[in-house]
N, C-alpha and C. Protein backbone atom coordinates (compact mmCIF):
# COMPACT_ATOMS: atom_id res chain seq x y z
N MET A 1 -4.40 8.21 -8.63
CA MET A 1 -5.33 6.84 -8.37
C MET A 1 -6.49 7.08 -6.97
N SER A 2 -7.33 6.78 -6.60
CA SER A 2 -7.88 6.96 -5.59
C SER A 2 -7.53 5.58 -4.27
N THR A 3 -7.03 6.14 -3.51
CA THR A 3 -6.18 5.25 -2.46
C THR A 3 -7.62 5.09 -1.53
N PRO A 4 -8.80 5.91 -1.51
CA PRO A 4 -9.49 5.21 -0.27
C PRO A 4 -10.42 4.35 -1.21
N HIS A 5 -10.63 4.46 -2.49
CA HIS A 5 -11.39 3.19 -3.26
C HIS A 5 -10.61 2.15 -3.25
N VAL A 6 -9.39 1.58 -3.21
CA VAL A 6 -8.59 1.18 -3.99
C VAL A 6 -8.30 -0.17 -2.44
N LEU A 7 -8.37 0.73 -1.35
CA LEU A 7 -8.65 -0.18 0.04
C LEU A 7 -10.18 -0.35 0.22
N LEU A 8 -11.09 0.29 -0.17
CA LEU A 8 -12.16 -0.24 -0.31
C LEU A 8 -12.10 -1.40 -0.70
N GLY A 9 -12.03 -1.57 -2.36
CA GLY A 9 -11.18 -2.72 -3.10
C GLY A 9 -11.05 -3.82 -2.61
N LEU A 10 -9.86 -3.77 -1.94
CA LEU A 10 -9.03 -5.03 -0.71
C LEU A 10 -9.34 -5.64 -0.01
N LEU A 11 -10.59 -4.06 0.73
CA LEU A 11 -11.77 -5.29 1.55
C LEU A 11 -12.54 -5.91 1.68
N ALA A 12 -12.91 -5.40 0.20
CA ALA A 12 -14.15 -6.44 -0.26
C ALA A 12 -13.41 -7.75 -0.21
N ALA A 13 -12.57 -8.54 -0.39
CA ALA A 13 -11.86 -9.85 0.05
C ALA A 13 -12.26 -10.56 1.20
N GLY A 14 -12.40 -9.25 2.09
CA GLY A 14 -12.54 -9.88 3.96
C GLY A 14 -11.73 -9.47 4.32
N PRO A 15 -12.14 -8.90 5.63
CA PRO A 15 -11.14 -8.20 7.15
C PRO A 15 -9.55 -7.82 6.73
N MET A 16 -9.02 -6.80 7.06
CA MET A 16 -7.61 -7.19 6.92
C MET A 16 -7.41 -6.01 7.98
N HIS A 17 -6.01 -6.03 8.78
CA HIS A 17 -5.71 -4.97 9.05
C HIS A 17 -4.80 -3.98 8.19
N GLY A 18 -3.94 -2.89 8.71
CA GLY A 18 -3.61 -2.03 7.84
C GLY A 18 -1.72 -2.48 6.93
N TYR A 19 -1.05 -3.26 7.59
CA TYR A 19 -0.19 -3.66 7.27
C TYR A 19 -0.67 -4.98 5.86
N GLU A 20 -1.39 -5.92 6.35
CA GLU A 20 -2.11 -6.56 5.15
C GLU A 20 -2.56 -6.21 3.57
N LEU A 21 -3.42 -4.75 4.14
CA LEU A 21 -3.29 -3.72 2.76
C LEU A 21 -2.50 -3.04 2.40
N LYS A 22 -1.42 -2.72 3.04
CA LYS A 22 -0.43 -2.17 2.19
C LYS A 22 0.14 -3.26 1.87
N ARG A 23 0.76 -4.60 2.36
CA ARG A 23 1.13 -5.49 1.71
C ARG A 23 0.22 -6.12 0.66
N ALA A 24 -1.13 -5.90 0.46
CA ALA A 24 -2.12 -6.63 -0.92
C ALA A 24 -2.07 -5.16 -1.98
N HIS A 25 -1.94 -4.05 -1.56
CA HIS A 25 -2.07 -3.04 -2.56
C HIS A 25 -0.54 -3.33 -3.25
N ASP A 26 0.48 -3.02 -3.05
CA ASP A 26 1.98 -3.84 -3.23
C ASP A 26 2.06 -5.16 -4.07
N GLN A 27 1.19 -5.66 -3.90
CA GLN A 27 1.20 -7.44 -5.00
C GLN A 27 0.01 -6.64 -5.55
N ARG A 28 -1.39 -6.21 -5.27
CA ARG A 28 -1.76 -6.42 -6.15
C ARG A 28 -1.48 -5.73 -7.41
N LEU A 29 -1.20 -4.39 -6.98
CA LEU A 29 -0.63 -3.42 -8.27
C LEU A 29 0.46 -2.78 -8.09
N PRO A 30 1.48 -3.93 -8.57
CA PRO A 30 3.03 -3.90 -8.67
C PRO A 30 3.44 -2.96 -9.26
N GLN A 31 3.04 -2.09 -10.45
CA GLN A 31 3.46 -1.61 -11.08
C GLN A 31 3.58 0.05 -9.93
N ALA A 32 2.40 0.24 -9.23
CA ALA A 32 1.70 1.71 -8.64
C ALA A 32 2.45 2.09 -7.33
N LYS A 33 2.86 3.30 -7.34
CA LYS A 33 3.46 3.64 -6.08
C LYS A 33 3.43 3.02 -4.98
N PRO A 34 4.37 2.32 -4.62
CA PRO A 34 4.03 1.50 -2.96
C PRO A 34 2.64 2.67 -1.76
N LEU A 35 2.17 2.41 -0.88
CA LEU A 35 1.39 3.06 -0.17
C LEU A 35 2.24 3.55 1.05
N ALA A 36 2.36 4.14 1.47
CA ALA A 36 3.00 4.43 2.98
C ALA A 36 2.08 3.98 3.99
N PHE A 37 2.65 3.65 5.14
CA PHE A 37 1.69 2.76 6.00
C PHE A 37 1.18 3.41 6.63
N GLY A 38 1.99 5.02 7.01
CA GLY A 38 0.52 6.63 7.36
C GLY A 38 -0.36 6.49 6.61
N GLN A 39 -0.21 6.65 5.28
CA GLN A 39 -0.91 6.80 4.13
C GLN A 39 -2.05 5.49 3.87
N VAL A 40 -1.94 4.24 4.84
CA VAL A 40 -2.89 3.29 4.59
C VAL A 40 -3.95 3.84 6.21
N TYR A 41 -2.92 3.78 7.41
CA TYR A 41 -3.37 4.22 8.49
C TYR A 41 -4.62 5.54 8.13
N ALA A 42 -4.06 6.50 7.89
CA ALA A 42 -4.84 7.55 7.71
C ALA A 42 -5.62 8.02 6.82
N THR A 43 -6.05 6.89 5.40
CA THR A 43 -7.01 6.36 4.92
C THR A 43 -8.33 5.33 5.42
N LEU A 44 -7.96 4.81 6.01
CA LEU A 44 -8.39 4.07 7.18
C LEU A 44 -9.50 5.19 8.61
N GLY A 45 -8.80 5.65 8.62
CA GLY A 45 -8.99 6.44 9.97
C GLY A 45 -10.26 7.47 9.14
N ARG A 46 -10.21 7.63 8.02
CA ARG A 46 -11.11 8.82 7.45
C ARG A 46 -12.57 7.61 6.71
N LEU A 47 -12.00 6.46 6.32
CA LEU A 47 -12.76 5.47 5.35
C LEU A 47 -13.76 4.94 7.06
N GLN A 48 -13.60 4.68 8.17
CA GLN A 48 -14.24 4.47 9.04
C GLN A 48 -15.46 5.58 9.84
N ARG A 49 -14.34 6.94 9.99
CA ARG A 49 -14.92 8.00 10.26
C ARG A 49 -15.84 8.67 9.27
N ASP A 50 -16.15 7.71 8.31
CA ASP A 50 -17.52 8.40 6.71
C ASP A 50 -18.30 7.01 7.08
N GLY A 51 -18.41 5.87 7.72
CA GLY A 51 -18.96 4.55 7.69
C GLY A 51 -18.87 3.78 6.76
N LEU A 52 -17.91 3.95 5.70
CA LEU A 52 -17.44 3.15 4.72
C LEU A 52 -16.80 1.71 5.34
N VAL A 53 -16.16 1.87 6.33
CA VAL A 53 -15.35 0.34 7.08
C VAL A 53 -15.73 0.75 8.45
N THR A 54 -15.12 -0.45 9.02
CA THR A 54 -15.66 -0.73 10.86
C THR A 54 -14.80 -1.55 10.93
N SER A 55 -14.16 -0.81 12.28
CA SER A 55 -13.56 -1.94 12.71
C SER A 55 -13.63 -3.38 13.14
N THR A 56 -13.24 -4.85 12.76
CA THR A 56 -13.95 -6.06 13.49
C THR A 56 -13.02 -6.69 14.47
N GLY A 57 -12.05 -6.02 15.35
CA GLY A 57 -11.11 -6.82 16.24
C GLY A 57 -10.06 -6.29 16.45
N GLN A 58 -9.01 -6.62 17.53
CA GLN A 58 -7.70 -6.69 17.25
C GLN A 58 -7.20 -7.79 17.63
N ASP A 59 -6.29 -7.95 16.95
CA ASP A 59 -5.01 -9.63 16.72
C ASP A 59 -3.46 -9.00 17.23
N GLN A 60 -2.87 -9.43 18.10
CA GLN A 60 -1.63 -9.05 18.58
C GLN A 60 -0.70 -9.75 17.79
N ASP A 61 -1.04 -11.32 17.69
CA ASP A 61 -0.22 -12.11 17.09
C ASP A 61 0.99 -12.17 17.17
N GLY A 62 1.68 -11.92 18.64
CA GLY A 62 3.35 -12.08 18.67
C GLY A 62 3.99 -10.84 18.19
N GLY A 63 3.16 -9.63 18.16
CA GLY A 63 3.61 -8.50 17.48
C GLY A 63 3.08 -7.82 18.43
N PRO A 64 2.90 -6.02 17.46
CA PRO A 64 2.03 -5.09 17.88
C PRO A 64 0.52 -5.35 17.70
N GLU A 65 -0.22 -4.63 18.15
CA GLU A 65 -1.85 -4.54 18.27
C GLU A 65 -2.04 -4.01 16.89
N ARG A 66 -2.90 -5.08 16.32
CA ARG A 66 -3.49 -4.91 14.89
C ARG A 66 -4.79 -4.38 14.89
N THR A 67 -5.30 -3.60 14.97
CA THR A 67 -6.75 -3.75 14.21
C THR A 67 -7.21 -4.49 12.80
N SER A 68 -8.31 -5.25 12.35
CA SER A 68 -8.59 -5.23 11.56
C SER A 68 -9.93 -4.48 11.43
N PHE A 69 -10.26 -4.28 9.94
CA PHE A 69 -11.28 -3.35 9.44
C PHE A 69 -11.94 -4.57 7.82
N ALA A 70 -13.09 -4.28 8.11
CA ALA A 70 -14.32 -4.41 7.50
C ALA A 70 -14.83 -3.82 6.17
N LEU A 71 -15.29 -3.87 5.34
CA LEU A 71 -16.14 -2.76 4.42
C LEU A 71 -17.90 -3.50 5.27
N THR A 72 -18.01 -2.07 4.89
CA THR A 72 -19.64 -1.90 5.48
C THR A 72 -20.65 -1.99 4.28
N ASP A 73 -21.87 -2.02 4.59
CA ASP A 73 -22.63 -2.40 3.41
C ASP A 73 -22.56 -0.67 2.87
N ALA A 74 -22.38 0.92 3.81
CA ALA A 74 -22.37 1.59 2.69
C ALA A 74 -20.76 1.59 1.95
N GLY A 75 -19.92 1.27 2.61
CA GLY A 75 -18.45 1.22 1.82
C GLY A 75 -18.89 0.40 0.36
N ARG A 76 -19.30 -1.11 0.25
CA ARG A 76 -19.36 -1.78 -0.60
C ARG A 76 -20.44 -1.29 -1.65
N ALA A 77 -21.11 0.09 -1.62
CA ALA A 77 -22.36 0.66 -2.22
C ALA A 77 -21.48 1.91 -2.81
N ARG A 78 -20.63 2.51 -1.82
CA ARG A 78 -19.38 3.60 -2.92
C ARG A 78 -18.50 3.09 -3.48
N LEU A 79 -18.05 1.66 -3.38
CA LEU A 79 -16.92 0.85 -4.31
C LEU A 79 -18.10 0.63 -5.50
N ASP A 80 -18.72 0.39 -5.52
CA ASP A 80 -19.78 -0.35 -6.69
C ASP A 80 -19.88 1.17 -7.17
N GLU A 81 -20.53 2.25 -6.71
CA GLU A 81 -20.82 3.62 -7.61
C GLU A 81 -19.16 3.84 -8.43
N TRP A 82 -18.23 3.47 -7.38
CA TRP A 82 -16.63 4.31 -8.23
C TRP A 82 -16.54 3.32 -9.35
N LEU A 83 -16.99 2.15 -9.33
CA LEU A 83 -16.32 1.15 -10.31
C LEU A 83 -17.39 1.47 -11.61
N GLY A 84 -18.00 1.63 -11.15
CA GLY A 84 -19.14 2.10 -12.67
C GLY A 84 -18.97 3.37 -12.85
N GLN A 85 -18.37 3.96 -12.59
CA GLN A 85 -17.85 5.49 -13.06
C GLN A 85 -16.74 5.50 -14.33
N VAL A 86 -17.02 6.42 -15.68
CA VAL A 86 -15.99 6.15 -16.44
C VAL A 86 -15.12 7.49 -16.07
N GLU A 87 -13.58 7.30 -16.23
CA GLU A 87 -12.80 7.81 -16.06
C GLU A 87 -13.12 9.33 -17.37
N PRO A 88 -12.94 10.11 -16.77
CA PRO A 88 -13.26 11.43 -17.68
C PRO A 88 -11.75 11.88 -18.51
N PRO A 89 -11.58 12.19 -19.52
CA PRO A 89 -9.98 12.27 -20.14
C PRO A 89 -8.86 13.38 -19.41
N ALA A 90 -8.12 13.59 -19.11
CA ALA A 90 -8.19 14.52 -18.84
C ALA A 90 -8.50 16.04 -19.64
N PRO A 91 -8.95 17.07 -18.42
CA PRO A 91 -9.37 17.72 -19.74
C PRO A 91 -7.94 18.93 -19.88
N TYR A 92 -6.91 18.56 -19.02
CA TYR A 92 -5.63 19.67 -19.40
C TYR A 92 -4.50 18.53 -19.65
N VAL A 93 -3.50 19.61 -19.74
CA VAL A 93 -1.82 19.04 -20.02
C VAL A 93 -1.25 19.20 -18.86
N THR A 94 -1.24 18.29 -18.35
CA THR A 94 -0.36 18.83 -17.31
C THR A 94 0.67 17.31 -16.87
N SER A 95 1.52 17.37 -17.95
CA SER A 95 2.30 16.75 -18.03
C SER A 95 3.87 17.12 -17.84
N THR A 96 4.84 16.90 -16.73
CA THR A 96 6.17 17.89 -16.88
C THR A 96 7.13 17.78 -17.86
N LEU A 97 6.50 16.63 -18.85
CA LEU A 97 7.59 16.80 -20.08
C LEU A 97 7.31 17.44 -20.74
N PHE A 98 5.90 17.97 -21.08
CA PHE A 98 5.03 18.89 -21.99
C PHE A 98 5.60 20.17 -21.14
N ALA A 99 5.84 20.88 -20.00
CA ALA A 99 5.81 22.03 -19.43
C ALA A 99 7.46 22.29 -19.83
N LYS A 100 8.04 21.41 -19.07
CA LYS A 100 9.94 21.82 -19.89
C LYS A 100 10.23 21.83 -21.86
N VAL A 101 9.80 21.27 -21.64
CA VAL A 101 9.39 21.58 -23.26
C VAL A 101 9.34 23.23 -23.40
N ALA A 102 8.15 23.05 -23.09
CA ALA A 102 7.35 24.27 -23.62
C ALA A 102 8.21 25.23 -22.92
N VAL A 103 8.86 25.15 -21.87
CA VAL A 103 9.52 26.31 -20.94
C VAL A 103 10.79 26.89 -21.58
N ALA A 104 11.57 25.44 -22.07
CA ALA A 104 12.90 25.53 -22.74
C ALA A 104 12.68 26.29 -24.01
N VAL A 105 11.94 25.73 -24.94
CA VAL A 105 11.76 26.63 -26.15
C VAL A 105 11.31 28.82 -25.55
N LEU A 106 10.66 28.30 -25.08
CA LEU A 106 10.35 30.09 -24.58
C LEU A 106 12.16 30.91 -23.95
N VAL A 107 12.61 30.31 -22.86
CA VAL A 107 13.77 30.94 -22.19
C VAL A 107 14.79 30.49 -22.86
N SER A 108 15.23 29.31 -23.61
CA SER A 108 16.37 29.06 -24.49
C SER A 108 16.12 28.76 -25.53
N GLY A 109 15.51 28.75 -26.09
CA GLY A 109 15.21 28.29 -27.41
C GLY A 109 15.18 27.01 -27.60
N GLU A 110 14.69 26.78 -29.36
CA GLU A 110 14.63 25.27 -30.15
C GLU A 110 15.96 24.51 -29.23
N GLN A 111 17.10 24.88 -29.26
CA GLN A 111 18.54 23.87 -28.84
C GLN A 111 18.46 22.89 -27.78
N ARG A 112 17.51 24.13 -26.95
CA ARG A 112 18.01 23.44 -25.35
C ARG A 112 16.24 22.29 -25.30
N ALA A 113 15.77 23.18 -25.96
CA ALA A 113 14.73 22.06 -25.87
C ALA A 113 15.06 20.43 -27.03
N HIS A 114 15.57 20.42 -28.15
CA HIS A 114 15.73 19.79 -28.98
C HIS A 114 16.86 18.81 -28.14
N ASP A 115 17.90 19.19 -27.08
CA ASP A 115 18.64 18.88 -26.48
C ASP A 115 17.62 17.86 -25.30
N TYR A 116 16.94 18.81 -24.82
CA TYR A 116 16.21 17.82 -23.85
C TYR A 116 15.30 16.61 -24.13
N LEU A 117 14.41 16.63 -25.45
CA LEU A 117 13.78 15.80 -25.78
C LEU A 117 14.91 14.86 -26.53
N VAL A 118 15.88 14.95 -26.91
CA VAL A 118 16.49 13.81 -27.46
C VAL A 118 16.96 12.93 -26.07
N ALA A 119 17.53 13.81 -24.98
CA ALA A 119 17.64 12.93 -23.32
C ALA A 119 16.69 11.70 -23.33
N GLN A 120 15.47 13.01 -22.93
CA GLN A 120 13.80 12.11 -22.73
C GLN A 120 13.63 10.99 -23.37
N ARG A 121 13.86 10.98 -24.98
CA ARG A 121 13.79 10.04 -25.37
C ARG A 121 14.79 8.63 -25.08
N THR A 122 16.28 8.89 -24.76
CA THR A 122 16.90 7.83 -24.45
C THR A 122 16.01 7.24 -22.69
N ALA A 123 15.94 8.17 -22.21
CA ALA A 123 15.08 7.90 -20.70
C ALA A 123 13.69 7.18 -20.91
N HIS A 124 12.92 7.48 -22.18
CA HIS A 124 12.23 6.40 -22.16
C HIS A 124 11.92 5.51 -23.20
N ILE A 125 13.14 5.59 -23.64
CA ILE A 125 13.41 3.57 -24.32
C ILE A 125 14.03 3.01 -23.00
N ASN A 126 14.72 3.67 -22.40
CA ASN A 126 15.36 2.59 -21.45
C ASN A 126 14.22 2.34 -20.29
N ARG A 127 13.67 3.06 -20.13
CA ARG A 127 12.08 2.75 -19.37
C ARG A 127 11.43 1.68 -20.48
N LEU A 128 11.01 1.58 -21.31
CA LEU A 128 10.84 0.48 -22.13
C LEU A 128 11.44 -0.67 -21.98
N ARG A 129 12.80 -0.69 -21.75
CA ARG A 129 13.34 -1.98 -22.15
C ARG A 129 13.38 -3.01 -21.13
N ALA A 130 12.93 -2.21 -19.66
CA ALA A 130 12.88 -2.70 -18.27
C ALA A 130 11.32 -2.76 -18.40
N LEU A 131 10.30 -2.24 -18.99
CA LEU A 131 9.23 -3.19 -18.92
C LEU A 131 8.77 -4.26 -19.51
N THR A 132 9.60 -4.26 -20.90
CA THR A 132 9.70 -5.42 -21.85
C THR A 132 10.03 -6.92 -21.03
N ALA A 133 11.25 -6.55 -20.16
CA ALA A 133 11.97 -7.36 -19.59
C ALA A 133 10.99 -7.63 -18.30
N VAL A 134 9.94 -7.12 -17.94
CA VAL A 134 9.44 -7.54 -17.05
C VAL A 134 7.93 -8.62 -17.56
N LYS A 135 7.28 -7.70 -18.65
CA LYS A 135 6.81 -8.70 -19.71
C LYS A 135 6.70 -10.58 -20.46
N THR A 136 7.97 -9.67 -19.86
CA THR A 136 8.86 -11.57 -20.70
C THR A 136 9.17 -12.78 -19.36
N ASP A 137 9.36 -12.01 -18.48
CA ASP A 137 9.44 -12.38 -17.54
C ASP A 137 8.85 -13.60 -17.20
N PRO A 138 9.12 -14.84 -16.87
CA PRO A 138 8.08 -16.32 -16.83
C PRO A 138 8.14 -16.22 -15.25
N ASP A 139 8.04 -15.40 -14.76
CA ASP A 139 7.77 -15.63 -12.94
C ASP A 139 6.62 -13.98 -12.56
N SER A 140 6.94 -13.11 -13.86
CA SER A 140 6.11 -12.12 -13.96
C SER A 140 4.56 -12.71 -13.72
N GLY A 141 3.56 -12.25 -12.86
CA GLY A 141 1.86 -12.29 -12.68
C GLY A 141 1.40 -11.37 -13.34
N LEU A 142 0.12 -12.03 -13.76
CA LEU A 142 -0.89 -11.24 -14.24
C LEU A 142 -0.70 -9.36 -14.17
N GLY A 143 -0.87 -9.35 -12.57
CA GLY A 143 -0.86 -8.27 -12.83
C GLY A 143 0.86 -7.22 -12.86
N ASP A 144 1.37 -7.56 -13.10
CA ASP A 144 3.02 -7.01 -13.25
C ASP A 144 2.77 -6.98 -14.78
N VAL A 145 2.21 -7.66 -15.56
CA VAL A 145 1.80 -7.95 -17.32
C VAL A 145 1.06 -6.87 -17.25
N VAL A 146 -0.48 -6.64 -16.66
CA VAL A 146 -1.03 -5.67 -17.38
C VAL A 146 -0.44 -4.20 -16.60
N ALA A 147 0.35 -3.84 -15.64
CA ALA A 147 0.88 -2.82 -15.79
C ALA A 147 1.87 -2.71 -16.33
N ALA A 148 2.48 -3.25 -16.92
CA ALA A 148 3.97 -3.15 -17.82
C ALA A 148 2.87 -2.65 -19.45
N ASP A 149 1.85 -3.31 -19.20
CA ASP A 149 1.20 -2.95 -20.98
C ASP A 149 0.86 -1.65 -20.72
N PHE A 150 0.16 -1.05 -19.88
CA PHE A 150 -0.22 0.19 -18.98
C PHE A 150 0.93 1.18 -19.28
N ALA A 151 2.15 0.47 -18.76
CA ALA A 151 2.92 1.97 -18.90
C ALA A 151 4.04 1.89 -19.94
N ILE A 152 4.21 0.88 -20.74
CA ILE A 152 4.38 0.60 -22.34
C ILE A 152 3.63 1.35 -23.06
N LEU A 153 2.17 1.35 -23.07
CA LEU A 153 1.61 2.18 -23.86
C LEU A 153 1.44 3.71 -23.82
N HIS A 154 1.61 3.96 -22.58
CA HIS A 154 1.58 5.57 -21.82
C HIS A 154 3.37 6.28 -22.64
N LEU A 155 4.27 4.85 -22.01
CA LEU A 155 5.09 5.56 -22.93
C LEU A 155 5.88 5.50 -24.53
N ASP A 156 4.68 4.88 -24.79
CA ASP A 156 4.92 4.90 -26.77
C ASP A 156 4.17 6.07 -26.91
N ALA A 157 2.96 6.44 -26.60
CA ALA A 157 2.63 7.83 -27.08
C ALA A 157 3.57 9.55 -26.57
N ASP A 158 4.36 8.77 -25.33
CA ASP A 158 5.20 10.21 -24.73
C ASP A 158 6.33 10.34 -26.33
N LEU A 159 6.79 8.56 -26.20
CA LEU A 159 8.09 8.80 -27.46
C LEU A 159 7.64 9.25 -28.86
N ARG A 160 5.55 8.96 -29.35
CA ARG A 160 5.38 9.57 -30.43
C ARG A 160 5.27 10.70 -30.78
N TRP A 161 4.73 11.70 -29.38
CA TRP A 161 4.66 13.25 -28.76
C TRP A 161 5.93 13.52 -29.10
N VAL A 162 7.19 13.26 -28.53
CA VAL A 162 8.39 13.57 -28.90
C VAL A 162 9.31 13.22 -30.19
N ALA A 163 8.77 12.85 -30.78
CA ALA A 163 9.38 12.42 -32.34
C ALA A 163 8.66 13.88 -32.82
N ASN A 164 7.37 13.54 -33.14
CA ASN A 164 6.59 14.83 -33.27
C ASN A 164 6.99 16.43 -32.93
N THR A 165 7.47 16.30 -31.44
CA THR A 165 7.84 17.75 -31.40
C THR A 165 9.31 18.29 -31.41
N LEU A 166 10.16 16.68 -31.43
CA LEU A 166 11.03 17.44 -32.30
C LEU A 166 11.73 18.14 -33.75
N ALA A 167 10.77 17.39 -34.58
CA ALA A 167 10.15 17.52 -35.65
C ALA A 167 9.86 19.16 -36.07
N ARG A 168 9.05 19.64 -34.63
CA ARG A 168 7.98 21.01 -34.78
C ARG A 168 9.70 22.00 -34.49
N VAL A 169 10.09 21.31 -33.55
CA VAL A 169 11.56 22.44 -33.02
C VAL A 169 11.96 22.49 -34.27
N ALA A 170 12.51 21.54 -34.90
CA ALA A 170 13.72 21.65 -36.61
C ALA A 170 12.79 22.88 -36.98
N ASP A 171 11.80 22.97 -37.20
CA ASP A 171 10.56 23.76 -37.99
C ASP A 171 11.09 24.79 -37.55
N LEU A 172 10.65 24.88 -36.44
CA LEU A 172 11.22 26.63 -35.82
C LEU A 172 12.53 27.15 -35.70
N HIS A 173 13.38 25.79 -35.52
CA HIS A 173 14.58 26.15 -35.76
C HIS A 173 15.25 27.15 -37.32
N ARG A 174 13.91 26.32 -38.98
CA ARG A 174 14.45 26.76 -39.85
C ARG A 174 13.52 28.06 -39.61
N GLU A 175 12.45 28.57 -38.96
CA GLU A 175 11.72 29.67 -39.39
C GLU A 175 12.55 31.07 -39.05
N LEU A 176 13.49 30.45 -37.56
CA LEU A 176 14.09 31.35 -36.85
C LEU A 176 15.18 31.95 -37.76
N GLN A 177 15.64 31.24 -38.74
CA GLN A 177 17.02 31.64 -38.87
C GLN A 177 16.67 32.76 -40.46
N PRO A 178 17.63 33.49 -40.54
CA PRO A 178 18.37 34.62 -41.34
C PRO A 178 17.44 33.94 -42.92
C-alpha cells in the first residue's frame, strides 16, 4: 500500500489534521493494517516538503493544537497520476508461505513441509470463516465487504496452491522411497 497516495486521496475530500486522517484511513480501509500516528505525521511532513499538501491552519478545540492539511494542485496531480497507473503483477514470489515450504523441503524433507501445509490450510480456513462472517454481517459497510472479498479471494488462491503443493510433496515422497 502506498501510504502517501492514500493520504492524498483522503485529503481530496477536504482539509484534515493527522488524527482525522488516521481515523478516516482506518474507517475507509477497514481490513488494511491500521496506520500509526507517527507514520501519518511523518508522511504528512514529506508530502508538505514535496509541495503536495499545505497546512491550512491550526485548531485546538479543547485539546492539543492540531495542524490541518489540504491537497495542493501538485498533490491532486500526483494523486490523479497514481490512480491512472496500472499495478504491475509482482515479478517475484515474495510469500512467506512459499518460502517456508521451500525451506522445509530442503532442510527437513517432505514430512515437515506436509505438516506445515496442513496446519497452514487450517489457519487459512479459519480466516476464511471470519471474513465470511464480515461479509454476512448486516452492519458491515461496503468497505468491509469489498476488503473481505479481496482477502477471501487471495486466501482461496493460497488454499489452491496449498492443495497443489501437498500433492507435489506426496509425489516427492513417492520418488524418494526405495
